[in-house]
Amino acid sequence: MDIKTAEFTLSAPNVTMCPKDTKPEYAFIGRSNVGKSSLINMLSRNKKLAKTSATPGKTLLINHFLINRDWYLVDLPGYGFAKRSKSEIAKLDQMIRGYILGREQLVNVFVLVDIRHEAQNIDLEFINWLGISSIPFAIVFTKADKLSESKVKANVQAYVTKMLETWEEMPPYFITSAEKARGRDEVLDYIDQINKSLKE
């Protein structure tokens, strides 16, 4: 897939204020500081599309970006260790779950996981919740440029082994690097395949 246009559309505080059209939506979510904004900017080849920050937890709204005037890339708030009060965390959690469970246009969630670390309970719990909720998703391993290729393979294999303790099969997954544009074609081709199947 070639991305010709990528436009910010709106930031919504809840699912009821998301765009009113019926274009398919692909949501990106992950633990705070997983490299989500950098990945979105790499996919769109627009370094200014999603705001990157050294401070975790900057995304507090449901951000919609219209890609090729055909589908939406949705930037969801991160979960995890950003310095927030319990009430703020609960509010964000409600917003995220409300969108994922209530948005008919949502066709796939990309869960971002930092490849440098072993499987974190917070990620596994979120992934399991998606499975229980019957939400289609794929895993995107980020920051692959930070490790040697052998370590990348070893860490992915360890993650797969951990997942298969509770899952019958591994969901689709991609190895990416925002720095090197690794995985860009694979992720966009996957989205393209789903978009084409929706039009059949």
N, C-alpha and C. Protein backbone atom coordinates (compact mmCIF):
# COMPACT_ATOMS: atom_id res chain seq x y z
N MET A 1 0.84 -1.19 0.00
CA MET A 1 0.00 0.00 0.00
C MET A 1 0.88 1.25 0.00
N ASP A 2 0.50 2.20 -0.83
CA ASP A 2 1.21 3.47 -0.88
C ASP A 2 0.35 4.52 -0.18
N ILE A 3 0.88 5.16 0.85
CA ILE A 3 0.12 6.21 1.52
C ILE A 3 0.38 7.54 0.84
N LYS A 4 -0.67 8.07 0.22
CA LYS A 4 -0.55 9.34 -0.51
C LYS A 4 -0.97 10.51 0.36
N THR A 5 -1.98 10.30 1.21
CA THR A 5 -2.44 11.38 2.09
C THR A 5 -2.68 10.83 3.50
N ALA A 6 -2.30 11.62 4.48
CA ALA A 6 -2.54 11.28 5.89
C ALA A 6 -2.90 12.57 6.60
N GLU A 7 -4.16 12.67 7.01
CA GLU A 7 -4.65 13.93 7.58
C GLU A 7 -5.23 13.71 8.97
N PHE A 8 -4.85 14.57 9.89
CA PHE A 8 -5.48 14.55 11.21
C PHE A 8 -6.94 14.98 11.04
N THR A 9 -7.85 14.23 11.66
CA THR A 9 -9.27 14.53 11.52
C THR A 9 -9.84 15.14 12.79
N LEU A 10 -9.76 14.39 13.89
CA LEU A 10 -10.26 14.93 15.15
C LEU A 10 -9.74 14.15 16.34
N SER A 11 -9.82 14.76 17.52
CA SER A 11 -9.53 14.10 18.79
C SER A 11 -10.83 14.02 19.57
N ALA A 12 -11.21 12.82 19.96
CA ALA A 12 -12.49 12.62 20.64
C ALA A 12 -12.27 12.19 22.08
N PRO A 13 -13.01 12.75 23.02
CA PRO A 13 -12.88 12.34 24.42
C PRO A 13 -13.63 11.04 24.74
N ASN A 14 -14.52 10.62 23.82
CA ASN A 14 -15.20 9.34 24.00
C ASN A 14 -15.71 8.84 22.65
N VAL A 15 -16.18 7.60 22.63
CA VAL A 15 -16.55 6.95 21.37
C VAL A 15 -17.69 7.66 20.65
N THR A 16 -18.58 8.30 21.40
CA THR A 16 -19.74 8.94 20.77
C THR A 16 -19.35 10.15 19.92
N MET A 17 -18.14 10.68 20.13
CA MET A 17 -17.71 11.87 19.39
C MET A 17 -16.72 11.55 18.28
N CYS A 18 -16.56 10.26 17.97
CA CYS A 18 -15.70 9.85 16.85
C CYS A 18 -16.38 10.19 15.52
N PRO A 19 -15.63 10.13 14.40
CA PRO A 19 -16.21 10.48 13.10
C PRO A 19 -17.49 9.69 12.80
N LYS A 20 -18.41 10.36 12.10
CA LYS A 20 -19.72 9.77 11.87
C LYS A 20 -19.79 8.88 10.62
N ASP A 21 -18.72 8.84 9.83
CA ASP A 21 -18.79 8.02 8.61
C ASP A 21 -18.52 6.55 8.91
N THR A 22 -18.46 5.74 7.87
CA THR A 22 -18.38 4.28 8.06
C THR A 22 -17.06 3.68 7.58
N LYS A 23 -16.06 4.52 7.37
CA LYS A 23 -14.76 3.99 6.91
C LYS A 23 -14.15 3.07 7.98
N PRO A 24 -13.42 2.02 7.55
CA PRO A 24 -12.81 1.11 8.52
C PRO A 24 -11.74 1.81 9.35
N GLU A 25 -11.61 1.36 10.60
CA GLU A 25 -10.66 1.97 11.52
C GLU A 25 -9.70 0.92 12.07
N TYR A 26 -8.42 1.32 12.17
CA TYR A 26 -7.36 0.47 12.71
C TYR A 26 -6.74 1.20 13.89
N ALA A 27 -6.91 0.64 15.07
CA ALA A 27 -6.46 1.32 16.29
C ALA A 27 -5.08 0.82 16.71
N PHE A 28 -4.26 1.75 17.18
CA PHE A 28 -2.92 1.45 17.68
C PHE A 28 -2.87 1.79 19.17
N ILE A 29 -2.41 0.82 19.95
CA ILE A 29 -2.38 1.02 21.40
C ILE A 29 -1.19 0.26 21.98
N GLY A 30 -0.70 0.72 23.12
CA GLY A 30 0.39 0.02 23.78
C GLY A 30 0.70 0.68 25.10
N ARG A 31 1.61 0.06 25.83
CA ARG A 31 2.04 0.62 27.09
C ARG A 31 2.69 1.98 26.85
N SER A 32 2.64 2.83 27.84
CA SER A 32 3.27 4.14 27.73
C SER A 32 4.75 3.99 27.32
N ASN A 33 5.17 4.84 26.40
CA ASN A 33 6.57 4.89 25.94
C ASN A 33 6.98 3.69 25.11
N VAL A 34 6.03 3.06 24.43
CA VAL A 34 6.34 1.89 23.60
C VAL A 34 6.78 2.30 22.19
N GLY A 35 6.65 3.60 21.88
CA GLY A 35 7.04 4.08 20.55
C GLY A 35 5.89 4.17 19.58
N LYS A 36 4.69 4.42 20.10
CA LYS A 36 3.48 4.42 19.26
C LYS A 36 3.47 5.58 18.26
N SER A 37 3.73 6.78 18.76
CA SER A 37 3.71 7.94 17.85
C SER A 37 4.78 7.81 16.77
N SER A 38 5.96 7.34 17.14
CA SER A 38 7.04 7.15 16.16
C SER A 38 6.64 6.13 15.11
N LEU A 39 5.96 5.05 15.53
CA LEU A 39 5.52 4.03 14.58
C LEU A 39 4.47 4.59 13.63
N ILE A 40 3.51 5.34 14.16
CA ILE A 40 2.46 5.94 13.32
C ILE A 40 3.09 6.89 12.30
N ASN A 41 4.04 7.69 12.75
CA ASN A 41 4.70 8.62 11.83
C ASN A 41 5.52 7.88 10.78
N MET A 42 6.12 6.77 11.16
CA MET A 42 6.88 5.96 10.20
C MET A 42 5.95 5.34 9.16
N LEU A 43 4.81 4.80 9.61
CA LEU A 43 3.87 4.19 8.67
C LEU A 43 3.35 5.21 7.67
N SER A 44 3.07 6.41 8.14
CA SER A 44 2.49 7.44 7.28
C SER A 44 3.54 8.25 6.52
N ARG A 45 4.81 8.02 6.86
CA ARG A 45 5.94 8.81 6.33
C ARG A 45 5.71 10.31 6.54
N ASN A 46 5.18 10.61 7.72
CA ASN A 46 4.94 12.00 8.10
C ASN A 46 5.38 12.17 9.54
N LYS A 47 6.55 12.77 9.74
CA LYS A 47 7.14 12.87 11.08
C LYS A 47 6.34 13.75 12.02
N LYS A 48 5.41 14.52 11.47
CA LYS A 48 4.64 15.45 12.32
C LYS A 48 3.20 14.99 12.52
N LEU A 49 2.84 13.81 12.04
CA LEU A 49 1.44 13.39 12.12
C LEU A 49 1.02 13.17 13.57
N ALA A 50 1.68 12.24 14.25
CA ALA A 50 1.41 12.01 15.67
C ALA A 50 2.51 12.68 16.49
N LYS A 51 2.12 13.32 17.55
CA LYS A 51 3.10 14.07 18.36
C LYS A 51 3.89 13.10 19.23
N THR A 52 5.20 13.06 19.00
CA THR A 52 6.06 12.21 19.83
C THR A 52 6.51 13.01 21.05
N SER A 53 6.77 12.29 22.12
CA SER A 53 7.16 12.96 23.36
C SER A 53 8.07 12.06 24.17
N ALA A 54 9.00 12.68 24.86
CA ALA A 54 9.86 11.92 25.76
C ALA A 54 9.12 11.58 27.05
N THR A 55 7.99 12.28 27.28
CA THR A 55 7.19 12.02 28.47
C THR A 55 6.11 11.00 28.15
N PRO A 56 6.10 9.84 28.82
CA PRO A 56 5.08 8.84 28.54
C PRO A 56 3.68 9.35 28.85
N GLY A 57 2.70 8.83 28.07
CA GLY A 57 1.31 9.10 28.40
C GLY A 57 0.78 10.43 27.92
N LYS A 58 1.30 10.92 26.78
CA LYS A 58 0.84 12.21 26.26
C LYS A 58 -0.50 12.10 25.54
N THR A 59 -0.79 10.95 24.95
CA THR A 59 -2.05 10.79 24.21
C THR A 59 -3.18 10.55 25.21
N LEU A 60 -4.12 11.49 25.30
CA LEU A 60 -5.21 11.39 26.26
C LEU A 60 -6.58 11.34 25.59
N LEU A 61 -6.59 11.40 24.26
CA LEU A 61 -7.84 11.38 23.51
C LEU A 61 -7.77 10.31 22.42
N ILE A 62 -8.90 10.04 21.80
CA ILE A 62 -8.95 9.11 20.67
C ILE A 62 -8.68 9.93 19.41
N ASN A 63 -7.49 9.78 18.84
CA ASN A 63 -7.07 10.60 17.70
C ASN A 63 -7.27 9.86 16.39
N HIS A 64 -8.02 10.48 15.48
CA HIS A 64 -8.30 9.88 14.17
C HIS A 64 -7.47 10.56 13.08
N PHE A 65 -6.81 9.74 12.26
CA PHE A 65 -6.08 10.21 11.09
C PHE A 65 -6.65 9.53 9.86
N LEU A 66 -7.08 10.31 8.89
CA LEU A 66 -7.66 9.75 7.66
C LEU A 66 -6.54 9.45 6.66
N ILE A 67 -6.43 8.18 6.27
CA ILE A 67 -5.36 7.75 5.37
C ILE A 67 -5.93 7.48 3.98
N ASN A 68 -5.34 8.12 2.99
CA ASN A 68 -5.76 7.97 1.58
C ASN A 68 -7.26 8.19 1.39
N ARG A 69 -7.85 8.96 2.29
CA ARG A 69 -9.29 9.24 2.27
C ARG A 69 -10.13 7.96 2.23
N ASP A 70 -9.53 6.87 2.73
CA ASP A 70 -10.14 5.54 2.59
C ASP A 70 -10.36 4.84 3.93
N TRP A 71 -9.43 5.06 4.88
CA TRP A 71 -9.54 4.39 6.19
C TRP A 71 -8.89 5.26 7.26
N TYR A 72 -9.23 4.95 8.51
CA TYR A 72 -8.70 5.72 9.64
C TYR A 72 -7.65 4.94 10.40
N LEU A 73 -6.56 5.62 10.69
CA LEU A 73 -5.60 5.14 11.66
C LEU A 73 -5.97 5.84 12.98
N VAL A 74 -6.19 5.06 14.03
CA VAL A 74 -6.66 5.62 15.29
C VAL A 74 -5.59 5.44 16.36
N ASP A 75 -5.17 6.56 16.93
CA ASP A 75 -4.14 6.58 17.97
C ASP A 75 -4.86 6.63 19.32
N LEU A 76 -4.78 5.51 20.07
CA LEU A 76 -5.44 5.44 21.37
C LEU A 76 -4.46 5.77 22.50
N PRO A 77 -4.97 6.25 23.63
CA PRO A 77 -4.08 6.50 24.78
C PRO A 77 -3.37 5.22 25.20
N GLY A 78 -2.15 5.37 25.69
CA GLY A 78 -1.41 4.21 26.19
C GLY A 78 -1.94 3.77 27.54
N TYR A 79 -1.57 2.57 27.93
CA TYR A 79 -1.91 2.10 29.26
C TYR A 79 -0.62 1.83 30.02
N GLY A 80 -0.69 1.86 31.33
CA GLY A 80 0.52 1.50 32.08
C GLY A 80 1.04 2.57 33.00
N PHE A 81 2.32 2.93 32.81
CA PHE A 81 3.04 3.57 33.90
C PHE A 81 3.09 5.09 33.85
N ALA A 82 2.33 5.72 32.99
CA ALA A 82 2.34 7.19 32.98
C ALA A 82 1.87 7.70 34.35
N LYS A 83 2.45 8.83 34.76
CA LYS A 83 2.15 9.34 36.11
C LYS A 83 0.78 10.00 36.13
N ARG A 84 -0.22 9.23 36.50
CA ARG A 84 -1.59 9.75 36.53
C ARG A 84 -2.26 9.33 37.84
N SER A 85 -3.28 10.09 38.21
CA SER A 85 -4.05 9.71 39.40
C SER A 85 -4.93 8.50 39.07
N LYS A 86 -5.41 7.83 40.10
CA LYS A 86 -6.27 6.66 39.89
C LYS A 86 -7.53 7.03 39.13
N SER A 87 -8.08 8.21 39.42
CA SER A 87 -9.31 8.63 38.73
C SER A 87 -9.04 8.89 37.25
N GLU A 88 -7.87 9.48 36.94
CA GLU A 88 -7.51 9.71 35.53
C GLU A 88 -7.31 8.39 34.80
N ILE A 89 -6.62 7.44 35.46
CA ILE A 89 -6.38 6.13 34.85
C ILE A 89 -7.70 5.42 34.58
N ALA A 90 -8.62 5.50 35.55
CA ALA A 90 -9.93 4.86 35.39
C ALA A 90 -10.70 5.49 34.23
N LYS A 91 -10.60 6.81 34.10
CA LYS A 91 -11.30 7.52 33.03
C LYS A 91 -10.73 7.12 31.66
N LEU A 92 -9.39 7.06 31.56
CA LEU A 92 -8.75 6.64 30.31
C LEU A 92 -9.13 5.21 29.96
N ASP A 93 -9.12 4.35 30.97
CA ASP A 93 -9.46 2.95 30.76
C ASP A 93 -10.89 2.82 30.23
N GLN A 94 -11.79 3.59 30.80
CA GLN A 94 -13.19 3.58 30.36
C GLN A 94 -13.30 4.06 28.92
N MET A 95 -12.53 5.11 28.58
CA MET A 95 -12.55 5.64 27.22
C MET A 95 -12.04 4.61 26.21
N ILE A 96 -10.92 3.96 26.55
CA ILE A 96 -10.32 2.96 25.65
C ILE A 96 -11.27 1.78 25.44
N ARG A 97 -11.78 1.25 26.55
CA ARG A 97 -12.67 0.09 26.45
C ARG A 97 -13.98 0.44 25.77
N GLY A 98 -14.47 1.65 26.02
CA GLY A 98 -15.69 2.11 25.37
C GLY A 98 -15.53 2.16 23.86
N TYR A 99 -14.37 2.67 23.43
CA TYR A 99 -14.09 2.74 21.98
C TYR A 99 -13.95 1.33 21.40
N ILE A 100 -13.13 0.49 22.01
CA ILE A 100 -12.84 -0.83 21.44
C ILE A 100 -14.09 -1.70 21.38
N LEU A 101 -14.90 -1.65 22.42
CA LEU A 101 -16.11 -2.50 22.46
C LEU A 101 -17.28 -1.88 21.70
N GLY A 102 -17.30 -0.54 21.61
CA GLY A 102 -18.49 0.11 21.07
C GLY A 102 -18.38 0.65 19.66
N ARG A 103 -17.20 0.63 19.08
CA ARG A 103 -17.00 1.25 17.76
C ARG A 103 -17.18 0.23 16.65
N GLU A 104 -18.28 0.30 15.95
CA GLU A 104 -18.57 -0.67 14.88
C GLU A 104 -17.56 -0.60 13.75
N GLN A 105 -17.01 0.57 13.49
CA GLN A 105 -16.07 0.74 12.37
C GLN A 105 -14.70 0.14 12.66
N LEU A 106 -14.42 -0.19 13.91
CA LEU A 106 -13.12 -0.76 14.27
C LEU A 106 -13.00 -2.18 13.70
N VAL A 107 -11.97 -2.40 12.88
CA VAL A 107 -11.80 -3.73 12.29
C VAL A 107 -10.57 -4.46 12.82
N ASN A 108 -9.60 -3.71 13.41
CA ASN A 108 -8.42 -4.38 13.96
C ASN A 108 -7.71 -3.47 14.95
N VAL A 109 -7.21 -4.10 16.02
CA VAL A 109 -6.40 -3.38 17.00
C VAL A 109 -4.96 -3.87 16.86
N PHE A 110 -4.03 -2.94 16.73
CA PHE A 110 -2.61 -3.28 16.75
C PHE A 110 -2.07 -2.99 18.15
N VAL A 111 -1.65 -4.06 18.84
CA VAL A 111 -1.11 -3.91 20.19
C VAL A 111 0.41 -3.82 20.09
N LEU A 112 0.97 -2.69 20.50
CA LEU A 112 2.41 -2.47 20.40
C LEU A 112 3.12 -3.00 21.64
N VAL A 113 4.20 -3.73 21.42
CA VAL A 113 4.97 -4.33 22.49
C VAL A 113 6.46 -4.03 22.26
N ASP A 114 7.13 -3.53 23.27
CA ASP A 114 8.56 -3.22 23.18
C ASP A 114 9.35 -4.53 23.16
N ILE A 115 10.02 -4.79 22.03
CA ILE A 115 10.71 -6.07 21.84
C ILE A 115 11.89 -6.27 22.79
N ARG A 116 12.33 -5.20 23.43
CA ARG A 116 13.51 -5.30 24.30
C ARG A 116 13.21 -6.00 25.63
N HIS A 117 11.93 -6.11 25.96
CA HIS A 117 11.57 -6.64 27.28
C HIS A 117 10.85 -7.98 27.16
N GLU A 118 10.95 -8.79 28.20
CA GLU A 118 10.17 -10.04 28.21
C GLU A 118 8.70 -9.70 28.38
N ALA A 119 7.84 -10.68 28.15
CA ALA A 119 6.39 -10.45 28.19
C ALA A 119 5.97 -9.83 29.52
N GLN A 120 5.28 -8.69 29.43
CA GLN A 120 4.80 -7.98 30.62
C GLN A 120 3.35 -8.36 30.91
N ASN A 121 3.03 -8.54 32.18
CA ASN A 121 1.66 -8.92 32.54
C ASN A 121 0.62 -7.93 32.03
N ILE A 122 0.96 -6.63 32.07
CA ILE A 122 -0.01 -5.62 31.65
C ILE A 122 -0.37 -5.78 30.17
N ASP A 123 0.62 -6.14 29.35
CA ASP A 123 0.34 -6.39 27.93
C ASP A 123 -0.46 -7.67 27.75
N LEU A 124 -0.06 -8.72 28.44
CA LEU A 124 -0.74 -10.01 28.31
C LEU A 124 -2.19 -9.92 28.77
N GLU A 125 -2.43 -9.17 29.84
CA GLU A 125 -3.80 -8.99 30.33
C GLU A 125 -4.66 -8.26 29.30
N PHE A 126 -4.08 -7.24 28.67
CA PHE A 126 -4.83 -6.49 27.66
C PHE A 126 -5.10 -7.38 26.44
N ILE A 127 -4.10 -8.12 26.01
CA ILE A 127 -4.25 -9.04 24.87
C ILE A 127 -5.32 -10.09 25.17
N ASN A 128 -5.30 -10.65 26.37
CA ASN A 128 -6.29 -11.65 26.75
C ASN A 128 -7.70 -11.05 26.79
N TRP A 129 -7.79 -9.80 27.24
CA TRP A 129 -9.09 -9.12 27.26
C TRP A 129 -9.63 -8.95 25.83
N LEU A 130 -8.75 -8.60 24.89
CA LEU A 130 -9.18 -8.50 23.48
C LEU A 130 -9.70 -9.84 22.99
N GLY A 131 -8.98 -10.92 23.34
CA GLY A 131 -9.40 -12.24 22.92
C GLY A 131 -10.75 -12.62 23.49
N ILE A 132 -10.92 -12.41 24.78
CA ILE A 132 -12.20 -12.72 25.44
C ILE A 132 -13.34 -11.90 24.84
N SER A 133 -13.02 -10.66 24.45
CA SER A 133 -14.02 -9.75 23.88
C SER A 133 -14.24 -9.96 22.39
N SER A 134 -13.53 -10.94 21.81
CA SER A 134 -13.63 -11.26 20.37
C SER A 134 -13.30 -10.07 19.48
N ILE A 135 -12.27 -9.33 19.86
CA ILE A 135 -11.79 -8.19 19.07
C ILE A 135 -10.60 -8.64 18.23
N PRO A 136 -10.67 -8.53 16.89
CA PRO A 136 -9.51 -8.90 16.06
C PRO A 136 -8.31 -8.00 16.37
N PHE A 137 -7.13 -8.61 16.48
CA PHE A 137 -5.95 -7.82 16.80
C PHE A 137 -4.70 -8.48 16.22
N ALA A 138 -3.65 -7.68 16.16
CA ALA A 138 -2.32 -8.17 15.79
C ALA A 138 -1.33 -7.53 16.76
N ILE A 139 -0.19 -8.17 16.93
CA ILE A 139 0.86 -7.65 17.81
C ILE A 139 1.95 -6.99 16.96
N VAL A 140 2.39 -5.82 17.38
CA VAL A 140 3.47 -5.13 16.69
C VAL A 140 4.63 -4.98 17.67
N PHE A 141 5.70 -5.70 17.42
CA PHE A 141 6.91 -5.56 18.24
C PHE A 141 7.66 -4.32 17.76
N THR A 142 7.95 -3.40 18.67
CA THR A 142 8.60 -2.14 18.31
C THR A 142 10.07 -2.13 18.75
N LYS A 143 10.81 -1.17 18.21
CA LYS A 143 12.20 -0.88 18.61
C LYS A 143 13.17 -2.03 18.30
N ALA A 144 12.93 -2.72 17.20
CA ALA A 144 13.81 -3.84 16.83
C ALA A 144 15.23 -3.39 16.51
N ASP A 145 15.40 -2.11 16.16
CA ASP A 145 16.75 -1.61 15.85
C ASP A 145 17.62 -1.51 17.10
N LYS A 146 17.02 -1.61 18.28
CA LYS A 146 17.78 -1.48 19.53
C LYS A 146 18.47 -2.78 19.93
N LEU A 147 18.20 -3.87 19.21
CA LEU A 147 18.76 -5.18 19.55
C LEU A 147 19.45 -5.80 18.34
N SER A 148 20.33 -6.77 18.59
CA SER A 148 20.90 -7.55 17.50
C SER A 148 19.81 -8.43 16.90
N GLU A 149 20.02 -8.88 15.67
CA GLU A 149 19.00 -9.70 15.01
C GLU A 149 18.76 -11.01 15.75
N SER A 150 19.82 -11.59 16.29
CA SER A 150 19.65 -12.85 17.03
C SER A 150 18.83 -12.62 18.30
N LYS A 151 19.03 -11.48 18.95
CA LYS A 151 18.26 -11.16 20.17
C LYS A 151 16.81 -10.86 19.82
N VAL A 152 16.58 -10.20 18.69
CA VAL A 152 15.21 -9.96 18.22
C VAL A 152 14.47 -11.30 18.07
N LYS A 153 15.10 -12.23 17.37
CA LYS A 153 14.46 -13.54 17.14
C LYS A 153 14.22 -14.27 18.46
N ALA A 154 15.20 -14.22 19.35
CA ALA A 154 15.07 -14.91 20.64
C ALA A 154 13.94 -14.31 21.47
N ASN A 155 13.83 -12.98 21.48
CA ASN A 155 12.79 -12.32 22.28
C ASN A 155 11.39 -12.56 21.71
N VAL A 156 11.29 -12.56 20.38
CA VAL A 156 10.00 -12.86 19.75
C VAL A 156 9.60 -14.30 20.05
N GLN A 157 10.55 -15.21 19.93
CA GLN A 157 10.25 -16.62 20.21
C GLN A 157 9.81 -16.82 21.66
N ALA A 158 10.46 -16.11 22.58
CA ALA A 158 10.08 -16.19 23.99
C ALA A 158 8.66 -15.67 24.20
N TYR A 159 8.31 -14.62 23.46
CA TYR A 159 6.96 -14.05 23.57
C TYR A 159 5.93 -15.03 23.03
N VAL A 160 6.25 -15.63 21.88
CA VAL A 160 5.35 -16.62 21.27
C VAL A 160 5.13 -17.79 22.23
N THR A 161 6.20 -18.27 22.82
CA THR A 161 6.11 -19.38 23.77
C THR A 161 5.21 -19.02 24.94
N LYS A 162 5.36 -17.79 25.46
CA LYS A 162 4.53 -17.33 26.57
C LYS A 162 3.06 -17.24 26.16
N MET A 163 2.81 -16.70 24.98
CA MET A 163 1.42 -16.57 24.49
C MET A 163 0.75 -17.94 24.33
N LEU A 164 1.51 -18.90 23.83
CA LEU A 164 0.94 -20.21 23.54
C LEU A 164 0.65 -21.02 24.80
N GLU A 165 1.03 -20.47 25.95
CA GLU A 165 0.62 -21.11 27.20
C GLU A 165 -0.89 -20.98 27.41
N THR A 166 -1.48 -19.92 26.85
CA THR A 166 -2.91 -19.69 27.03
C THR A 166 -3.68 -19.60 25.71
N TRP A 167 -2.99 -19.36 24.60
CA TRP A 167 -3.64 -19.24 23.30
C TRP A 167 -3.40 -20.51 22.47
N GLU A 168 -4.42 -20.89 21.71
CA GLU A 168 -4.27 -22.07 20.85
C GLU A 168 -3.33 -21.79 19.70
N GLU A 169 -3.37 -20.57 19.18
CA GLU A 169 -2.45 -20.18 18.11
C GLU A 169 -2.06 -18.73 18.29
N MET A 170 -0.94 -18.38 17.71
CA MET A 170 -0.41 -17.01 17.82
C MET A 170 -1.18 -16.09 16.87
N PRO A 171 -1.62 -14.93 17.35
CA PRO A 171 -2.22 -13.96 16.44
C PRO A 171 -1.16 -13.43 15.47
N PRO A 172 -1.58 -12.75 14.40
CA PRO A 172 -0.58 -12.17 13.50
C PRO A 172 0.35 -11.23 14.27
N TYR A 173 1.63 -11.21 13.89
CA TYR A 173 2.54 -10.27 14.55
C TYR A 173 3.56 -9.74 13.55
N PHE A 174 4.08 -8.57 13.89
CA PHE A 174 5.01 -7.86 13.01
C PHE A 174 6.18 -7.35 13.84
N ILE A 175 7.37 -7.39 13.24
CA ILE A 175 8.57 -6.86 13.88
C ILE A 175 8.90 -5.53 13.20
N THR A 176 8.96 -4.46 14.01
CA THR A 176 9.11 -3.13 13.41
C THR A 176 10.24 -2.33 14.05
N SER A 177 10.67 -1.34 13.31
CA SER A 177 11.58 -0.31 13.82
C SER A 177 11.20 1.01 13.16
N ALA A 178 10.78 1.97 13.97
CA ALA A 178 10.44 3.28 13.42
C ALA A 178 11.67 3.95 12.84
N GLU A 179 12.83 3.72 13.45
CA GLU A 179 14.09 4.31 12.98
C GLU A 179 14.47 3.83 11.60
N LYS A 180 14.30 2.53 11.36
CA LYS A 180 14.74 1.91 10.10
C LYS A 180 13.60 1.66 9.11
N ALA A 181 12.38 2.05 9.49
CA ALA A 181 11.17 1.78 8.68
C ALA A 181 10.96 0.27 8.47
N ARG A 182 11.50 -0.51 9.38
CA ARG A 182 11.30 -1.97 9.30
C ARG A 182 9.86 -2.33 9.62
N GLY A 183 9.30 -3.24 8.84
CA GLY A 183 7.95 -3.71 9.08
C GLY A 183 6.86 -2.85 8.47
N ARG A 184 7.26 -1.71 7.90
CA ARG A 184 6.26 -0.78 7.35
C ARG A 184 5.40 -1.44 6.28
N ASP A 185 6.05 -2.06 5.29
CA ASP A 185 5.30 -2.68 4.19
C ASP A 185 4.40 -3.80 4.70
N GLU A 186 4.92 -4.58 5.66
CA GLU A 186 4.15 -5.72 6.16
C GLU A 186 2.87 -5.27 6.88
N VAL A 187 2.99 -4.24 7.72
CA VAL A 187 1.81 -3.74 8.45
C VAL A 187 0.80 -3.13 7.48
N LEU A 188 1.29 -2.31 6.54
CA LEU A 188 0.37 -1.66 5.59
C LEU A 188 -0.26 -2.67 4.64
N ASP A 189 0.49 -3.70 4.25
CA ASP A 189 -0.09 -4.74 3.38
C ASP A 189 -1.18 -5.51 4.12
N TYR A 190 -0.97 -5.73 5.41
CA TYR A 190 -1.98 -6.42 6.22
C TYR A 190 -3.27 -5.60 6.28
N ILE A 191 -3.12 -4.29 6.49
CA ILE A 191 -4.29 -3.39 6.49
C ILE A 191 -4.96 -3.41 5.13
N ASP A 192 -4.14 -3.37 4.08
CA ASP A 192 -4.67 -3.38 2.71
C ASP A 192 -5.48 -4.64 2.43
N GLN A 193 -4.98 -5.78 2.88
CA GLN A 193 -5.69 -7.05 2.69
C GLN A 193 -7.06 -7.01 3.37
N ILE A 194 -7.09 -6.50 4.61
CA ILE A 194 -8.36 -6.43 5.33
C ILE A 194 -9.32 -5.47 4.61
N ASN A 195 -8.81 -4.31 4.18
CA ASN A 195 -9.66 -3.34 3.47
C ASN A 195 -10.27 -3.96 2.21
N LYS A 196 -9.45 -4.71 1.47
CA LYS A 196 -9.96 -5.34 0.25
C LYS A 196 -11.01 -6.40 0.56
N SER A 197 -10.80 -7.16 1.64
CA SER A 197 -11.77 -8.19 2.01
C SER A 197 -13.10 -7.56 2.45
N LEU A 198 -13.04 -6.36 3.03
CA LEU A 198 -14.27 -5.68 3.47
C LEU A 198 -15.11 -5.20 2.28
N LYS A 199 -14.41 -4.97 1.15
CA LYS A 199 -15.12 -4.45 -0.04
C LYS A 199 -15.67 -5.55 -0.92
N GLU A 200 -15.29 -6.80 -0.65
CA GLU A 200 -15.74 -7.91 -1.50
C GLU A 200 -17.21 -8.23 -1.27
